[in-house]
Protein backbone atom coordinates (compact mmCIF):
# COMPACT_ATOMS: atom_id res chain seq x y z
CA MET A 1 -3.06 25.80 3.71
CA VAL A 2 0.09 24.76 5.68
CA CYS A 3 3.46 26.19 4.90
CA VAL A 4 6.01 23.33 4.86
CA PRO A 5 9.51 24.53 5.91
CA PRO A 6 12.47 23.70 3.65
CA PRO A 7 14.35 20.51 4.39
CA HIS A 8 17.24 22.37 6.10
CA CYS A 9 14.74 24.03 8.45
CA ARG A 10 13.45 20.57 9.39
CA THR A 11 16.78 19.26 10.18
CA ASP A 12 17.79 22.34 12.11
CA LEU A 13 14.59 22.45 14.13
CA THR A 14 14.41 18.78 15.11
CA PRO A 15 17.49 18.70 17.38
CA ASN A 16 16.46 21.83 19.14
CA PHE A 17 12.94 20.53 19.71
CA VAL A 18 14.47 17.26 21.00
CA ARG A 19 16.46 19.27 23.55
CA LEU A 20 13.26 20.86 24.81
CA LEU A 21 11.64 17.53 25.20
CA ARG A 22 14.50 16.37 27.22
CA ASP A 23 14.94 19.54 29.31
CA SER A 24 15.53 19.18 32.98
CA GLU A 25 12.51 21.40 33.85
CA ALA A 26 9.17 19.67 33.72
CA GLU A 27 7.44 22.92 32.61
CA VAL A 28 9.58 23.02 29.56
CA ARG A 29 8.93 19.34 28.76
CA VAL A 30 5.22 19.96 29.23
CA ALA A 31 5.14 22.93 26.87
CA ALA A 32 7.20 20.97 24.16
CA ALA A 33 5.01 17.92 24.66
CA ALA A 34 1.97 20.04 23.93
CA LYS A 35 3.45 20.85 20.44
CA VAL A 36 4.65 17.30 19.45
CA ALA A 37 1.71 16.58 17.28
CA ALA A 38 1.75 20.04 15.52
CA LEU A 39 5.55 19.92 14.90
CA SER A 40 5.31 16.31 13.61
CA GLY A 41 3.13 17.59 10.80
CA TYR A 42 6.07 19.41 9.38
CA LEU A 43 8.54 16.64 9.79
CA THR A 44 9.32 13.58 7.50
CA PRO A 45 8.25 10.14 8.87
CA GLN A 46 12.04 9.26 9.11
CA LEU A 47 12.65 12.31 11.42
CA ILE A 48 9.68 11.55 13.47
CA VAL A 49 10.65 7.86 13.95
CA GLN A 50 14.38 8.55 14.52
CA HIS A 51 14.08 11.68 16.83
CA VAL A 52 10.69 12.41 18.09
CA VAL A 53 9.30 8.88 18.89
CA PRO A 54 12.21 8.08 21.27
CA CYS A 55 11.54 11.19 23.26
CA VAL A 56 7.87 10.50 23.35
CA ARG A 57 8.46 7.10 24.70
CA GLU A 58 10.63 8.55 27.43
CA LEU A 59 8.11 11.22 28.33
CA CYS A 60 5.29 8.70 28.58
CA VAL A 61 6.88 7.31 31.69
CA ASP A 62 7.87 10.71 33.04
CA SER A 63 6.87 11.02 36.63
CA SER A 64 5.84 14.73 36.28
CA GLN A 65 2.72 15.99 34.54
CA VAL A 66 4.39 15.39 31.10
CA GLY A 67 3.35 11.73 31.10
CA ALA A 68 -0.34 12.63 31.52
CA ARG A 69 -0.12 15.34 28.81
CA LEU A 70 1.26 12.86 26.36
CA VAL A 71 -1.45 10.29 26.46
CA CYS A 72 -3.14 11.78 23.48
CA VAL A 73 -0.17 13.12 21.84
CA CYS A 74 1.66 9.69 21.64
CA LEU A 75 -0.99 8.18 19.62
CA SER A 76 -1.40 11.20 17.33
CA VAL A 77 2.36 11.18 16.43
CA TYR A 78 2.41 7.46 15.96
CA VAL A 79 -0.69 7.41 13.74
CA ARG A 80 0.66 10.32 11.62
CA ALA A 81 4.03 8.57 11.16
CA CYS A 82 2.36 5.30 10.17
CA VAL A 83 -0.04 6.96 7.79
CA ARG A 84 2.68 8.86 6.08
CA ALA A 85 4.90 5.83 5.85
CA ARG A 86 2.09 3.76 4.37
CA ALA A 87 1.06 6.47 1.87
CA ARG A 88 4.68 6.79 0.80
CA ALA A 89 5.00 2.96 0.36
CA CYS A 90 1.82 3.09 -1.81
CA VAL A 91 3.27 5.87 -3.97
CA HIS A 92 6.69 4.38 -4.37
CA GLY A 93 5.58 0.65 -4.21
């Protein structure tokens, strides 16, 4: 069972996580990149698309080891966002 944080925790956590993904130190970006998929499981599709996906795009072309680390994570985040959006459309459609 996964504990889903309240909405205010999601909105407070997202900007701080984005700061870590855009940190000037490669080691910090690598550590944050390793947690993108896990954190995305707690976020709404809207938060993922608006905040996380742009960072992931930037990190995919990162010249440090972050880019390599994100090869698997990029697809995982994108697929989760798409699946959630599609499921939501089916429920509300």
